[in-house]
Amino acid sequence: MKKKIKVVAAVIENDQNEVLCALRSNDMSLPNMWEFPGGKVEEGEDIYSAIVREIEEELHCKIKATELHNEHTHEYDTFIIELIAIKAEIVEGTPQPTEHAKLVWLNKENLDSLVWAPADVPAVELLIDNVN
């Protein structure tokens, strides 16, 4: 049986209605694919605390989680991911790519120009659908 991993991802928007996108580095699984930054939910941790912690660890900035964006379960070859996307805003600092190869701010209508990790695609599609 495949391992199931519960992961939170931050859909961070700025004042220009752009969304922060993170490029997975060559050292990560699914290298060179784009994702919303985040990570695993620890045992006993709620999803909102998890996303605040993960963004502080990964991007060296503080966020405020505002609302649930969507939840999606995706089965990869070796594991199953339960991805919980949470809308958030930066309250302190500027995101720094410490684990990712690159960070970019992109207008929602241009999100489909990137090659996204499969688990992130439903969250991306929902953002694009809400623009139209």
C-alpha atoms as a PDB file:
ATOM      1  CA  MET A   1       0.000   0.000   0.000  1.00  0.00           C
ATOM      2  CA  LYS A   2       1.258   3.459  -0.901  1.00  0.00           C
ATOM      3  CA  LYS A   3       2.115   5.948   1.807  1.00  0.00           C
ATOM      4  CA  LYS A   4      -0.365   8.834   2.120  1.00  0.00           C
ATOM      5  CA  ILE A   5       1.128  12.246   2.881  1.00  0.00           C
ATOM      6  CA  LYS A   6      -0.872  15.243   4.094  1.00  0.00           C
ATOM      7  CA  VAL A   7       0.597  18.444   2.660  1.00  0.00           C
ATOM      8  CA  VAL A   8      -0.364  22.107   2.894  1.00  0.00           C
ATOM      9  CA  ALA A   9       0.356  24.627   0.143  1.00  0.00           C
ATOM     10  CA  ALA A  10       0.139  28.410   0.351  1.00  0.00           C
ATOM     11  CA  VAL A  11      -1.677  30.328  -2.358  1.00  0.00           C
ATOM     12  CA  ILE A  12      -0.053  33.689  -1.572  1.00  0.00           C
ATOM     13  CA  GLU A  13      -1.432  36.742  -3.357  1.00  0.00           C
ATOM     14  CA  ASN A  14       0.076  40.225  -3.457  1.00  0.00           C
ATOM     15  CA  ASP A  15      -1.493  43.668  -3.918  1.00  0.00           C
ATOM     16  CA  GLN A  16      -1.205  43.396  -7.711  1.00  0.00           C
ATOM     17  CA  ASN A  17      -3.440  40.297  -7.725  1.00  0.00           C
ATOM     18  CA  GLU A  18      -0.424  38.099  -8.521  1.00  0.00           C
ATOM     19  CA  VAL A  19       0.200  34.656  -7.037  1.00  0.00           C
ATOM     20  CA  LEU A  20       3.554  33.356  -5.743  1.00  0.00           C
ATOM     21  CA  CYS A  21       4.770  30.331  -7.707  1.00  0.00           C
ATOM     22  CA  ALA A  22       7.731  28.170  -6.674  1.00  0.00           C
ATOM     23  CA  LEU A  23       9.936  26.116  -9.016  1.00  0.00           C
ATOM     24  CA  ARG A  24      11.005  22.784  -7.541  1.00  0.00           C
ATOM     25  CA  SER A  25      14.803  22.424  -7.547  1.00  0.00           C
ATOM     26  CA  ASN A  26      16.789  19.571  -9.080  1.00  0.00           C
ATOM     27  CA  ASP A  27      17.281  18.133  -5.565  1.00  0.00           C
ATOM     28  CA  MET A  28      13.535  17.701  -4.995  1.00  0.00           C
ATOM     29  CA  SER A  29      11.173  15.039  -6.290  1.00  0.00           C
ATOM     30  CA  LEU A  30       9.365  16.302  -9.413  1.00  0.00           C
ATOM     31  CA  PRO A  31      12.284  18.616 -10.285  1.00  0.00           C
ATOM     32  CA  ASN A  32      11.655  21.671 -12.465  1.00  0.00           C
ATOM     33  CA  MET A  33       7.903  21.602 -11.920  1.00  0.00           C
ATOM     34  CA  TRP A  34       6.045  24.510 -10.371  1.00  0.00           C
ATOM     35  CA  GLU A  35       4.077  24.345  -7.152  1.00  0.00           C
ATOM     36  CA  PHE A  36       2.582  26.433  -4.414  1.00  0.00           C
ATOM     37  CA  PRO A  37       5.115  26.483  -1.548  1.00  0.00           C
ATOM     38  CA  GLY A  38       4.389  24.503   1.601  1.00  0.00           C
ATOM     39  CA  GLY A  39       5.070  21.116   3.100  1.00  0.00           C
ATOM     40  CA  LYS A  40       4.027  18.221   5.277  1.00  0.00           C
ATOM     41  CA  VAL A  41       1.613  18.617   8.165  1.00  0.00           C
ATOM     42  CA  GLU A  42       3.270  17.320  11.348  1.00  0.00           C
ATOM     43  CA  GLU A  43       1.514  14.914  13.718  1.00  0.00           C
ATOM     44  CA  GLY A  44      -1.029  16.778  15.861  1.00  0.00           C
ATOM     45  CA  GLU A  45      -0.605  20.034  13.907  1.00  0.00           C
ATOM     46  CA  ASP A  46      -3.572  21.873  12.378  1.00  0.00           C
ATOM     47  CA  ILE A  47      -3.345  22.907   8.719  1.00  0.00           C
ATOM     48  CA  TYR A  48      -3.198  26.649   9.426  1.00  0.00           C
ATOM     49  CA  SER A  49      -0.319  26.329  11.894  1.00  0.00           C
ATOM     50  CA  ALA A  50       1.430  23.986   9.446  1.00  0.00           C
ATOM     51  CA  ILE A  51       1.311  26.417   6.527  1.00  0.00           C
ATOM     52  CA  VAL A  52       2.561  29.335   8.635  1.00  0.00           C
ATOM     53  CA  ARG A  53       5.468  27.184   9.913  1.00  0.00           C
ATOM     54  CA  GLU A  54       6.346  25.772   6.491  1.00  0.00           C
ATOM     55  CA  ILE A  55       6.436  29.184   4.797  1.00  0.00           C
ATOM     56  CA  GLU A  56       8.594  30.611   7.573  1.00  0.00           C
ATOM     57  CA  GLU A  57      11.011  27.659   7.201  1.00  0.00           C
ATOM     58  CA  GLU A  58      11.025  27.576   3.369  1.00  0.00           C
ATOM     59  CA  LEU A  59      10.665  31.209   2.353  1.00  0.00           C
ATOM     60  CA  HIS A  60      11.888  33.089   5.457  1.00  0.00           C
ATOM     61  CA  CYS A  61       8.813  35.294   5.690  1.00  0.00           C
ATOM     62  CA  LYS A  62       5.668  35.378   7.806  1.00  0.00           C
ATOM     63  CA  ILE A  63       2.199  34.830   6.394  1.00  0.00           C
ATOM     64  CA  LYS A  64      -1.343  34.970   7.660  1.00  0.00           C
ATOM     65  CA  ALA A  65      -3.531  32.107   6.436  1.00  0.00           C
ATOM     66  CA  THR A  66      -6.880  33.549   5.369  1.00  0.00           C
ATOM     67  CA  GLU A  67      -9.065  30.749   4.012  1.00  0.00           C
ATOM     68  CA  LEU A  68      -9.132  27.245   2.577  1.00  0.00           C
ATOM     69  CA  HIS A  69      -8.718  27.340  -1.217  1.00  0.00           C
ATOM     70  CA  ASN A  70      -9.232  23.677  -2.088  1.00  0.00           C
ATOM     71  CA  GLU A  71      -8.334  20.089  -1.175  1.00  0.00           C
ATOM     72  CA  HIS A  72      -7.231  17.455  -3.637  1.00  0.00           C
ATOM     73  CA  THR A  73      -5.859  13.925  -3.393  1.00  0.00           C
ATOM     74  CA  HIS A  74      -3.423  12.871  -6.107  1.00  0.00           C
ATOM     75  CA  GLU A  75      -1.828   9.474  -6.562  1.00  0.00           C
ATOM     76  CA  TYR A  76       1.785   9.468  -7.763  1.00  0.00           C
ATOM     77  CA  ASP A  77       3.727   6.297  -8.640  1.00  0.00           C
ATOM     78  CA  THR A  78       5.141   5.787  -5.148  1.00  0.00           C
ATOM     79  CA  PHE A  79       2.838   7.743  -2.793  1.00  0.00           C
ATOM     80  CA  ILE A  80      -0.511   9.495  -2.426  1.00  0.00           C
ATOM     81  CA  ILE A  81      -0.629  13.185  -1.559  1.00  0.00           C
ATOM     82  CA  GLU A  82      -3.521  14.931   0.120  1.00  0.00           C
ATOM     83  CA  LEU A  83      -2.858  18.540  -0.889  1.00  0.00           C
ATOM     84  CA  ILE A  84      -4.656  21.248   1.057  1.00  0.00           C
ATOM     85  CA  ALA A  85      -4.237  24.660  -0.603  1.00  0.00           C
ATOM     86  CA  ILE A  86      -4.739  27.620   1.727  1.00  0.00           C
ATOM     87  CA  LYS A  87      -4.994  31.253   0.674  1.00  0.00           C
ATOM     88  CA  ALA A  88      -2.562  33.484   2.519  1.00  0.00           C
ATOM     89  CA  GLU A  89      -0.976  36.904   2.570  1.00  0.00           C
ATOM     90  CA  ILE A  90       2.506  38.022   3.561  1.00  0.00           C
ATOM     91  CA  VAL A  91       2.566  39.983   6.815  1.00  0.00           C
ATOM     92  CA  GLU A  92       6.329  40.297   7.253  1.00  0.00           C
ATOM     93  CA  GLY A  93       9.403  39.895   5.067  1.00  0.00           C
ATOM     94  CA  THR A  94      10.015  39.042   1.422  1.00  0.00           C
ATOM     95  CA  PRO A  95       9.897  35.419   0.197  1.00  0.00           C
ATOM     96  CA  GLN A  96      13.372  33.934  -0.381  1.00  0.00           C
ATOM     97  CA  PRO A  97      13.897  30.701  -2.367  1.00  0.00           C
ATOM     98  CA  THR A  98      15.884  28.635   0.140  1.00  0.00           C
ATOM     99  CA  GLU A  99      14.730  25.198  -1.119  1.00  0.00           C
ATOM    100  CA  HIS A 100      13.213  26.091  -4.478  1.00  0.00           C
ATOM    101  CA  ALA A 101      15.201  26.974  -7.611  1.00  0.00           C
ATOM    102  CA  LYS A 102      13.152  30.109  -8.227  1.00  0.00           C
ATOM    103  CA  LEU A 103      10.119  32.118  -7.095  1.00  0.00           C
ATOM    104  CA  VAL A 104       7.948  34.224  -9.404  1.00  0.00           C
ATOM    105  CA  TRP A 105       4.836  36.363  -8.999  1.00  0.00           C
ATOM    106  CA  LEU A 106       2.371  35.687 -11.804  1.00  0.00           C
ATOM    107  CA  ASN A 107      -1.057  37.017 -12.755  1.00  0.00           C
ATOM    108  CA  LYS A 108      -3.738  34.381 -12.226  1.00  0.00           C
ATOM    109  CA  GLU A 109      -4.682  34.318 -15.914  1.00  0.00           C
ATOM    110  CA  ASN A 110      -1.050  33.418 -16.772  1.00  0.00           C
ATOM    111  CA  LEU A 111      -0.683  30.541 -14.297  1.00  0.00           C
ATOM    112  CA  ASP A 112      -1.321  27.943 -16.992  1.00  0.00           C
ATOM    113  CA  SER A 113       1.878  29.067 -18.780  1.00  0.00           C
ATOM    114  CA  LEU A 114       3.896  27.068 -16.213  1.00  0.00           C
ATOM    115  CA  VAL A 115       4.331  23.286 -15.930  1.00  0.00           C
ATOM    116  CA  TRP A 116       2.735  22.484 -12.559  1.00  0.00           C
ATOM    117  CA  ALA A 117       3.209  19.443 -10.331  1.00  0.00           C
ATOM    118  CA  PRO A 118       0.112  17.287 -10.947  1.00  0.00           C
ATOM    119  CA  ALA A 119      -1.172  17.607  -7.365  1.00  0.00           C
ATOM    120  CA  ASP A 120      -1.199  21.430  -7.676  1.00  0.00           C
ATOM    121  CA  VAL A 121      -3.148  21.549 -10.963  1.00  0.00           C
ATOM    122  CA  PRO A 122      -6.684  21.607  -9.443  1.00  0.00           C
ATOM    123  CA  ALA A 123      -5.747  24.588  -7.216  1.00  0.00           C
ATOM    124  CA  VAL A 124      -4.297  26.382 -10.273  1.00  0.00           C
ATOM    125  CA  GLU A 125      -7.410  25.666 -12.360  1.00  0.00           C
ATOM    126  CA  LEU A 126      -9.660  26.988  -9.589  1.00  0.00           C
ATOM    127  CA  LEU A 127      -7.669  30.251  -9.432  1.00  0.00           C
ATOM    128  CA  ILE A 128      -7.885  30.675 -13.214  1.00  0.00           C
ATOM    129  CA  ASP A 129     -11.634  29.853 -13.270  1.00  0.00           C
ATOM    130  CA  ASN A 130     -12.296  32.479 -10.604  1.00  0.00           C
ATOM    131  CA  VAL A 131     -10.667  35.181 -12.763  1.00  0.00           C
ATOM    132  CA  ASN A 132     -13.129  34.686 -15.631  1.00  0.00           C
END
